[in-house]
């Protein structure tokens, strides 16, 4: 009986130790999340990029350096060989349809006039996925549809062109040269405004902003994305997250 009692007591002790260890782990994760961090073991994402030009190419390279898998796309994937070779083993090339299917997250970085066609052509592949939209309307390049998009707000307009996705407006308010040169800089990092309706999509986008070397600033829902459209007071301005919040009237980070 003493042996059984000892076994029970030992088992009870092991359970208590295991429970305490699990509680410490949970608390550590919660503290890290509260500080805006991510667990060190966060699983790398597969990211499909539709539009692998200056903005899309730069972001893909930054994310590959952070450990994510990247599929750059073009209607002529062979033309992306030099980009893929430069980025390294985390990158490969394919068609836009393949990028849309491949990605846990999909970045769309195309001329704005092409966005409606992207929404139509890849609706099935993109349905339900987190999609980051960097596209900026330009009346001179894109015609009247750009003027209409800017009038209603690009976040609202893009959601109409990309139905069924979990849309995040992101990385549209920073020049690609700055995007490359200011990543992971010392001191206060440059802020990247983002907007979305979906909280999980915002969390994933925030992680990708951090992984690219920047500081995410959640502005609000897609209607608020108008606050950082082209022509706004923060568009292509190199501002820290603190300065960005002040200029947009976001004194404290949204909770």
C-alpha atoms as a PDB file:
ATOM      1  CA  UNK A   1       0.000   0.000   0.000  1.00  0.00           C
ATOM      2  CA  UNK A   2       2.878   2.349   0.820  1.00  0.00           C
ATOM      3  CA  UNK A   3       4.319   1.698  -2.626  1.00  0.00           C
ATOM      4  CA  UNK A   4       0.973   2.561  -4.235  1.00  0.00           C
ATOM      5  CA  UNK A   5       0.676   5.707  -2.105  1.00  0.00           C
ATOM      6  CA  UNK A   6       4.185   6.744  -3.102  1.00  0.00           C
ATOM      7  CA  UNK A   7       3.347   6.146  -6.769  1.00  0.00           C
ATOM      8  CA  UNK A   8       0.178   8.205  -6.467  1.00  0.00           C
ATOM      9  CA  UNK A   9       2.020  11.027  -4.725  1.00  0.00           C
ATOM     10  CA  UNK A  10       4.789  10.977  -7.355  1.00  0.00           C
ATOM     11  CA  UNK A  11       2.232  11.013 -10.153  1.00  0.00           C
ATOM     12  CA  UNK A  12       0.385  13.861  -8.478  1.00  0.00           C
ATOM     13  CA  UNK A  13       3.636  15.786  -8.184  1.00  0.00           C
ATOM     14  CA  UNK A  14       4.457  15.289 -11.866  1.00  0.00           C
ATOM     15  CA  UNK A  15       1.032  16.530 -12.868  1.00  0.00           C
ATOM     16  CA  UNK A  16       1.448  19.612 -10.712  1.00  0.00           C
ATOM     17  CA  UNK A  17       4.859  20.343 -12.248  1.00  0.00           C
ATOM     18  CA  UNK A  18       3.501  19.824 -15.772  1.00  0.00           C
ATOM     19  CA  UNK A  19       0.527  22.066 -15.007  1.00  0.00           C
ATOM     20  CA  UNK A  20       2.770  24.780 -13.642  1.00  0.00           C
ATOM     21  CA  UNK A  21       5.041  24.568 -16.679  1.00  0.00           C
ATOM     22  CA  UNK A  22       2.056  24.839 -19.028  1.00  0.00           C
ATOM     23  CA  UNK A  23       0.761  27.849 -17.099  1.00  0.00           C
ATOM     24  CA  UNK A  24       4.166  29.568 -17.344  1.00  0.00           C
ATOM     25  CA  UNK A  25       4.228  28.909 -21.099  1.00  0.00           C
ATOM     26  CA  UNK A  26       0.724  30.340 -21.575  1.00  0.00           C
ATOM     27  CA  UNK A  27       1.574  33.414 -19.504  1.00  0.00           C
ATOM     28  CA  UNK A  28       4.776  33.962 -21.497  1.00  0.00           C
ATOM     29  CA  UNK A  29       2.859  33.838 -24.777  1.00  0.00           C
ATOM     30  CA  UNK A  30       0.217  36.233 -23.431  1.00  0.00           C
ATOM     31  CA  UNK A  31       2.857  38.699 -22.228  1.00  0.00           C
ATOM     32  CA  UNK A  32       4.635  38.512 -25.562  1.00  0.00           C
ATOM     33  CA  UNK A  33       1.381  39.109 -27.419  1.00  0.00           C
ATOM     34  CA  UNK A  34       0.576  42.076 -25.193  1.00  0.00           C
ATOM     35  CA  UNK A  35       3.967  43.555 -26.068  1.00  0.00           C
ATOM     36  CA  UNK A  36       3.163  43.235 -29.766  1.00  0.00           C
ATOM     37  CA  UNK A  37       5.546  40.349 -30.342  1.00  0.00           C
ATOM     38  CA  UNK A  38       5.100  36.909 -31.862  1.00  0.00           C
ATOM     39  CA  UNK A  39       6.280  33.535 -30.576  1.00  0.00           C
ATOM     40  CA  UNK A  40       9.793  32.785 -31.786  1.00  0.00           C
ATOM     41  CA  UNK A  41       8.569  29.478 -33.187  1.00  0.00           C
ATOM     42  CA  UNK A  42       5.793  31.109 -35.285  1.00  0.00           C
ATOM     43  CA  UNK A  43       5.368  29.009 -38.389  1.00  0.00           C
ATOM     44  CA  UNK A  44       6.654  30.552 -41.631  1.00  0.00           C
ATOM     45  CA  UNK A  45       3.913  31.475 -44.082  1.00  0.00           C
ATOM     46  CA  UNK A  46       3.523  30.678 -47.740  1.00  0.00           C
ATOM     47  CA  UNK A  47       3.030  33.988 -49.547  1.00  0.00           C
ATOM     48  CA  UNK A  48       1.857  34.278 -53.139  1.00  0.00           C
ATOM     49  CA  UNK A  49       2.656  37.556 -54.878  1.00  0.00           C
ATOM     50  CA  UNK A  50       0.538  38.745 -57.792  1.00  0.00           C
ATOM     51  CA  UNK A  51       2.499  41.600 -59.314  1.00  0.00           C
ATOM     52  CA  UNK A  52       6.217  41.023 -58.769  1.00  0.00           C
ATOM     53  CA  UNK A  53       7.468  44.460 -59.769  1.00  0.00           C
ATOM     54  CA  UNK A  54       9.214  47.026 -57.605  1.00  0.00           C
ATOM     55  CA  UNK A  55       6.837  46.910 -54.606  1.00  0.00           C
ATOM     56  CA  UNK A  56       5.944  43.217 -54.765  1.00  0.00           C
ATOM     57  CA  UNK A  57       9.513  42.166 -55.511  1.00  0.00           C
ATOM     58  CA  UNK A  58      10.932  44.186 -52.617  1.00  0.00           C
ATOM     59  CA  UNK A  59       8.376  42.858 -50.123  1.00  0.00           C
ATOM     60  CA  UNK A  60       8.890  39.290 -51.290  1.00  0.00           C
ATOM     61  CA  UNK A  61      12.628  39.608 -50.747  1.00  0.00           C
ATOM     62  CA  UNK A  62      12.190  41.054 -47.242  1.00  0.00           C
ATOM     63  CA  UNK A  63       9.757  38.284 -46.296  1.00  0.00           C
ATOM     64  CA  UNK A  64      12.010  35.561 -47.694  1.00  0.00           C
ATOM     65  CA  UNK A  65      14.825  36.876 -45.480  1.00  0.00           C
ATOM     66  CA  UNK A  66      12.427  36.527 -42.536  1.00  0.00           C
ATOM     67  CA  UNK A  67      11.945  32.837 -43.389  1.00  0.00           C
ATOM     68  CA  UNK A  68       8.690  32.858 -45.348  1.00  0.00           C
ATOM     69  CA  UNK A  69       8.189  30.911 -48.583  1.00  0.00           C
ATOM     70  CA  UNK A  70       7.525  33.151 -51.571  1.00  0.00           C
ATOM     71  CA  UNK A  71       5.965  32.444 -54.957  1.00  0.00           C
ATOM     72  CA  UNK A  72       6.510  35.426 -57.260  1.00  0.00           C
ATOM     73  CA  UNK A  73       4.205  35.419 -60.249  1.00  0.00           C
ATOM     74  CA  UNK A  74       3.927  36.691 -63.782  1.00  0.00           C
ATOM     75  CA  UNK A  75       2.119  35.651 -66.932  1.00  0.00           C
ATOM     76  CA  UNK A  76       5.663  34.872 -68.098  1.00  0.00           C
ATOM     77  CA  UNK A  77       7.298  33.257 -65.030  1.00  0.00           C
ATOM     78  CA  UNK A  78      10.585  32.728 -66.868  1.00  0.00           C
ATOM     79  CA  UNK A  79      11.083  36.497 -66.778  1.00  0.00           C
ATOM     80  CA  UNK A  80      11.351  36.319 -62.967  1.00  0.00           C
ATOM     81  CA  UNK A  81      14.470  34.113 -62.954  1.00  0.00           C
ATOM     82  CA  UNK A  82      16.846  36.913 -61.930  1.00  0.00           C
ATOM     83  CA  UNK A  83      14.534  37.955 -59.064  1.00  0.00           C
ATOM     84  CA  UNK A  84      14.186  34.385 -57.792  1.00  0.00           C
ATOM     85  CA  UNK A  85      17.949  33.814 -58.058  1.00  0.00           C
ATOM     86  CA  UNK A  86      18.622  36.981 -56.061  1.00  0.00           C
ATOM     87  CA  UNK A  87      16.104  36.172 -53.324  1.00  0.00           C
ATOM     88  CA  UNK A  88      17.372  32.621 -52.937  1.00  0.00           C
ATOM     89  CA  UNK A  89      16.011  29.189 -51.966  1.00  0.00           C
ATOM     90  CA  UNK A  90      12.889  30.517 -50.226  1.00  0.00           C
ATOM     91  CA  UNK A  91      11.582  31.868 -53.552  1.00  0.00           C
ATOM     92  CA  UNK A  92      10.175  30.397 -56.736  1.00  0.00           C
ATOM     93  CA  UNK A  93       8.234  31.657 -59.740  1.00  0.00           C
ATOM     94  CA  UNK A  94       4.866  30.761 -61.209  1.00  0.00           C
ATOM     95  CA  UNK A  95       1.727  32.126 -62.781  1.00  0.00           C
ATOM     96  CA  UNK A  96      -0.706  34.445 -60.961  1.00  0.00           C
ATOM     97  CA  UNK A  97      -3.161  31.558 -60.615  1.00  0.00           C
ATOM     98  CA  UNK A  98      -0.440  29.450 -59.007  1.00  0.00           C
ATOM     99  CA  UNK A  99       0.469  32.295 -56.639  1.00  0.00           C
ATOM    100  CA  UNK A 100      -3.175  32.727 -55.624  1.00  0.00           C
ATOM    101  CA  UNK A 101      -3.474  28.999 -54.917  1.00  0.00           C
ATOM    102  CA  UNK A 102      -0.071  28.705 -53.202  1.00  0.00           C
ATOM    103  CA  UNK A 103      -0.349  31.458 -50.647  1.00  0.00           C
ATOM    104  CA  UNK A 104      -1.615  31.233 -47.099  1.00  0.00           C
ATOM    105  CA  UNK A 105      -1.489  34.991 -47.672  1.00  0.00           C
ATOM    106  CA  UNK A 106      -1.571  36.699 -51.068  1.00  0.00           C
ATOM    107  CA  UNK A 107      -0.085  40.094 -51.859  1.00  0.00           C
ATOM    108  CA  UNK A 108      -1.609  41.948 -54.817  1.00  0.00           C
ATOM    109  CA  UNK A 109       0.590  44.702 -56.222  1.00  0.00           C
ATOM    110  CA  UNK A 110      -0.596  45.572 -59.732  1.00  0.00           C
ATOM    111  CA  UNK A 111      -1.698  48.727 -61.567  1.00  0.00           C
ATOM    112  CA  UNK A 112      -5.079  49.608 -60.092  1.00  0.00           C
ATOM    113  CA  UNK A 113      -6.938  49.204 -63.392  1.00  0.00           C
ATOM    114  CA  UNK A 114      -5.913  45.519 -63.359  1.00  0.00           C
ATOM    115  CA  UNK A 115      -7.442  44.860 -59.934  1.00  0.00           C
ATOM    116  CA  UNK A 116     -11.002  44.085 -61.134  1.00  0.00           C
ATOM    117  CA  UNK A 117      -9.626  41.458 -63.526  1.00  0.00           C
ATOM    118  CA  UNK A 118      -7.524  39.906 -60.769  1.00  0.00           C
ATOM    119  CA  UNK A 119     -10.687  39.618 -58.689  1.00  0.00           C
ATOM    120  CA  UNK A 120     -12.536  37.902 -61.522  1.00  0.00           C
ATOM    121  CA  UNK A 121      -9.768  35.622 -62.797  1.00  0.00           C
ATOM    122  CA  UNK A 122      -8.653  34.255 -59.419  1.00  0.00           C
ATOM    123  CA  UNK A 123     -11.872  34.465 -57.403  1.00  0.00           C
ATOM    124  CA  UNK A 124     -11.901  30.742 -56.650  1.00  0.00           C
ATOM    125  CA  UNK A 125      -8.254  30.588 -55.575  1.00  0.00           C
ATOM    126  CA  UNK A 126      -8.477  33.734 -53.438  1.00  0.00           C
ATOM    127  CA  UNK A 127     -11.800  33.021 -51.743  1.00  0.00           C
ATOM    128  CA  UNK A 128     -11.507  33.214 -47.963  1.00  0.00           C
ATOM    129  CA  UNK A 129      -7.812  34.076 -48.006  1.00  0.00           C
ATOM    130  CA  UNK A 130      -6.036  37.021 -46.419  1.00  0.00           C
ATOM    131  CA  UNK A 131      -5.134  39.389 -49.257  1.00  0.00           C
ATOM    132  CA  UNK A 132      -2.842  42.379 -48.826  1.00  0.00           C
ATOM    133  CA  UNK A 133      -3.607  45.160 -51.326  1.00  0.00           C
ATOM    134  CA  UNK A 134      -0.851  47.673 -52.121  1.00  0.00           C
ATOM    135  CA  UNK A 135      -2.456  49.015 -55.300  1.00  0.00           C
ATOM    136  CA  UNK A 136      -2.866  52.792 -55.714  1.00  0.00           C
ATOM    137  CA  UNK A 137      -5.339  54.354 -58.173  1.00  0.00           C
ATOM    138  CA  UNK A 138      -3.852  56.861 -60.599  1.00  0.00           C
ATOM    139  CA  UNK A 139      -6.233  58.803 -62.842  1.00  0.00           C
ATOM    140  CA  UNK A 140      -3.462  59.478 -65.341  1.00  0.00           C
ATOM    141  CA  UNK A 141      -2.631  55.765 -65.663  1.00  0.00           C
ATOM    142  CA  UNK A 142      -5.911  54.029 -64.782  1.00  0.00           C
ATOM    143  CA  UNK A 143      -8.545  56.458 -66.069  1.00  0.00           C
ATOM    144  CA  UNK A 144     -11.955  57.296 -64.565  1.00  0.00           C
ATOM    145  CA  UNK A 145     -12.123  54.155 -62.415  1.00  0.00           C
ATOM    146  CA  UNK A 146      -9.221  55.520 -60.389  1.00  0.00           C
ATOM    147  CA  UNK A 147     -11.050  58.772 -59.703  1.00  0.00           C
ATOM    148  CA  UNK A 148     -14.094  56.810 -58.551  1.00  0.00           C
ATOM    149  CA  UNK A 149     -11.954  54.622 -56.272  1.00  0.00           C
ATOM    150  CA  UNK A 150     -10.270  57.624 -54.649  1.00  0.00           C
ATOM    151  CA  UNK A 151     -13.616  59.364 -54.170  1.00  0.00           C
ATOM    152  CA  UNK A 152     -15.109  56.459 -52.196  1.00  0.00           C
ATOM    153  CA  UNK A 153     -11.793  55.446 -50.602  1.00  0.00           C
ATOM    154  CA  UNK A 154      -9.451  52.833 -52.011  1.00  0.00           C
ATOM    155  CA  UNK A 155     -10.072  50.346 -49.216  1.00  0.00           C
ATOM    156  CA  UNK A 156     -13.807  50.327 -49.929  1.00  0.00           C
ATOM    157  CA  UNK A 157     -13.289  50.196 -53.700  1.00  0.00           C
ATOM    158  CA  UNK A 158     -10.745  47.359 -53.542  1.00  0.00           C
ATOM    159  CA  UNK A 159     -13.127  45.285 -51.423  1.00  0.00           C
ATOM    160  CA  UNK A 160     -15.685  45.570 -54.219  1.00  0.00           C
ATOM    161  CA  UNK A 161     -13.134  44.413 -56.816  1.00  0.00           C
ATOM    162  CA  UNK A 162     -11.931  41.511 -54.635  1.00  0.00           C
ATOM    163  CA  UNK A 163     -15.131  40.015 -53.163  1.00  0.00           C
ATOM    164  CA  UNK A 164     -14.863  37.017 -50.881  1.00  0.00           C
ATOM    165  CA  UNK A 165     -11.349  37.743 -49.594  1.00  0.00           C
ATOM    166  CA  UNK A 166     -10.178  38.922 -46.176  1.00  0.00           C
ATOM    167  CA  UNK A 167      -8.783  42.183 -47.426  1.00  0.00           C
ATOM    168  CA  UNK A 168      -6.079  44.273 -45.775  1.00  0.00           C
ATOM    169  CA  UNK A 169      -4.987  47.605 -47.177  1.00  0.00           C
ATOM    170  CA  UNK A 170      -1.220  47.703 -46.554  1.00  0.00           C
ATOM    171  CA  UNK A 171       2.151  48.871 -47.903  1.00  0.00           C
ATOM    172  CA  UNK A 172       0.518  51.303 -50.341  1.00  0.00           C
ATOM    173  CA  UNK A 173       1.746  54.463 -48.584  1.00  0.00           C
ATOM    174  CA  UNK A 174       5.491  53.793 -48.813  1.00  0.00           C
ATOM    175  CA  UNK A 175       7.801  54.210 -51.810  1.00  0.00           C
ATOM    176  CA  UNK A 176       9.572  51.029 -52.903  1.00  0.00           C
ATOM    177  CA  UNK A 177      13.012  52.638 -52.550  1.00  0.00           C
ATOM    178  CA  UNK A 178      12.252  53.599 -48.948  1.00  0.00           C
ATOM    179  CA  UNK A 179      10.783  50.139 -48.406  1.00  0.00           C
ATOM    180  CA  UNK A 180      14.156  48.644 -49.305  1.00  0.00           C
ATOM    181  CA  UNK A 181      16.404  51.173 -47.549  1.00  0.00           C
ATOM    182  CA  UNK A 182      14.564  51.659 -44.227  1.00  0.00           C
ATOM    183  CA  UNK A 183      13.791  48.028 -43.384  1.00  0.00           C
ATOM    184  CA  UNK A 184      14.963  46.993 -39.897  1.00  0.00           C
ATOM    185  CA  UNK A 185      16.600  50.363 -39.265  1.00  0.00           C
ATOM    186  CA  UNK A 186      17.981  51.194 -35.823  1.00  0.00           C
ATOM    187  CA  UNK A 187      15.916  53.224 -33.356  1.00  0.00           C
ATOM    188  CA  UNK A 188      12.251  53.969 -34.025  1.00  0.00           C
ATOM    189  CA  UNK A 189      11.125  52.086 -37.088  1.00  0.00           C
ATOM    190  CA  UNK A 190       9.086  53.554 -39.920  1.00  0.00           C
ATOM    191  CA  UNK A 191       5.362  53.027 -39.431  1.00  0.00           C
ATOM    192  CA  UNK A 192       3.189  51.212 -41.970  1.00  0.00           C
ATOM    193  CA  UNK A 193      -0.543  52.061 -41.821  1.00  0.00           C
ATOM    194  CA  UNK A 194      -2.880  49.105 -42.319  1.00  0.00           C
ATOM    195  CA  UNK A 195      -6.664  48.789 -42.397  1.00  0.00           C
ATOM    196  CA  UNK A 196      -9.077  45.850 -42.495  1.00  0.00           C
ATOM    197  CA  UNK A 197     -12.373  44.576 -41.129  1.00  0.00           C
ATOM    198  CA  UNK A 198     -11.056  41.129 -40.188  1.00  0.00           C
ATOM    199  CA  UNK A 199      -9.140  41.006 -36.871  1.00  0.00           C
ATOM    200  CA  UNK A 200      -7.201  37.863 -37.723  1.00  0.00           C
ATOM    201  CA  UNK A 201      -6.228  39.325 -41.092  1.00  0.00           C
ATOM    202  CA  UNK A 202      -4.997  42.454 -39.277  1.00  0.00           C
ATOM    203  CA  UNK A 203      -2.939  40.291 -36.918  1.00  0.00           C
ATOM    204  CA  UNK A 204      -1.317  38.406 -39.800  1.00  0.00           C
ATOM    205  CA  UNK A 205      -0.675  41.638 -41.705  1.00  0.00           C
ATOM    206  CA  UNK A 206       0.861  43.169 -38.565  1.00  0.00           C
ATOM    207  CA  UNK A 207       3.195  40.202 -38.279  1.00  0.00           C
ATOM    208  CA  UNK A 208       4.263  40.616 -41.901  1.00  0.00           C
ATOM    209  CA  UNK A 209       4.878  44.335 -41.396  1.00  0.00           C
ATOM    210  CA  UNK A 210       7.176  43.467 -38.485  1.00  0.00           C
ATOM    211  CA  UNK A 211       8.892  40.720 -40.489  1.00  0.00           C
ATOM    212  CA  UNK A 212       9.562  43.224 -43.280  1.00  0.00           C
ATOM    213  CA  UNK A 213      11.315  45.466 -40.751  1.00  0.00           C
ATOM    214  CA  UNK A 214       8.614  48.019 -40.001  1.00  0.00           C
ATOM    215  CA  UNK A 215       6.157  49.000 -37.284  1.00  0.00           C
ATOM    216  CA  UNK A 216       2.440  48.300 -37.977  1.00  0.00           C
ATOM    217  CA  UNK A 217      -0.111  51.021 -37.267  1.00  0.00           C
ATOM    218  CA  UNK A 218      -3.708  49.769 -37.327  1.00  0.00           C
ATOM    219  CA  UNK A 219      -5.816  52.693 -38.554  1.00  0.00           C
ATOM    220  CA  UNK A 220      -9.216  50.984 -38.471  1.00  0.00           C
ATOM    221  CA  UNK A 221     -11.627  49.401 -40.933  1.00  0.00           C
ATOM    222  CA  UNK A 222     -11.373  49.614 -44.719  1.00  0.00           C
ATOM    223  CA  UNK A 223     -13.209  52.951 -44.808  1.00  0.00           C
ATOM    224  CA  UNK A 224     -10.374  54.439 -42.743  1.00  0.00           C
ATOM    225  CA  UNK A 225      -7.855  53.347 -45.399  1.00  0.00           C
ATOM    226  CA  UNK A 226      -8.805  56.567 -47.177  1.00  0.00           C
ATOM    227  CA  UNK A 227      -6.726  58.348 -44.518  1.00  0.00           C
ATOM    228  CA  UNK A 228      -3.545  56.976 -46.106  1.00  0.00           C
ATOM    229  CA  UNK A 229      -4.563  56.993 -49.780  1.00  0.00           C
ATOM    230  CA  UNK A 230      -2.410  58.812 -52.318  1.00  0.00           C
ATOM    231  CA  UNK A 231      -2.729  62.536 -51.750  1.00  0.00           C
ATOM    232  CA  UNK A 232      -3.239  62.150 -47.998  1.00  0.00           C
ATOM    233  CA  UNK A 233      -1.048  63.860 -45.401  1.00  0.00           C
ATOM    234  CA  UNK A 234       0.860  60.636 -44.652  1.00  0.00           C
ATOM    235  CA  UNK A 235       1.210  59.220 -48.161  1.00  0.00           C
ATOM    236  CA  UNK A 236       4.870  58.383 -48.995  1.00  0.00           C
ATOM    237  CA  UNK A 237       6.021  60.283 -45.908  1.00  0.00           C
ATOM    238  CA  UNK A 238       8.759  58.584 -43.896  1.00  0.00           C
ATOM    239  CA  UNK A 239       7.147  58.659 -40.451  1.00  0.00           C
ATOM    240  CA  UNK A 240       7.684  56.597 -37.334  1.00  0.00           C
ATOM    241  CA  UNK A 241       4.704  54.736 -35.920  1.00  0.00           C
ATOM    242  CA  UNK A 242       4.433  57.401 -33.213  1.00  0.00           C
ATOM    243  CA  UNK A 243       4.453  60.234 -35.771  1.00  0.00           C
ATOM    244  CA  UNK A 244       1.991  58.378 -37.971  1.00  0.00           C
ATOM    245  CA  UNK A 245      -0.464  57.886 -35.106  1.00  0.00           C
ATOM    246  CA  UNK A 246      -0.213  61.547 -34.163  1.00  0.00           C
ATOM    247  CA  UNK A 247      -0.840  62.719 -37.719  1.00  0.00           C
ATOM    248  CA  UNK A 248      -3.811  60.383 -38.114  1.00  0.00           C
ATOM    249  CA  UNK A 249      -5.273  61.234 -34.712  1.00  0.00           C
ATOM    250  CA  UNK A 250      -4.489  57.797 -33.269  1.00  0.00           C
ATOM    251  CA  UNK A 251      -2.977  58.882 -29.970  1.00  0.00           C
ATOM    252  CA  UNK A 252      -2.822  55.353 -28.565  1.00  0.00           C
ATOM    253  CA  UNK A 253      -2.594  52.053 -30.495  1.00  0.00           C
ATOM    254  CA  UNK A 254      -6.070  50.484 -30.982  1.00  0.00           C
ATOM    255  CA  UNK A 255      -6.837  47.778 -28.411  1.00  0.00           C
END
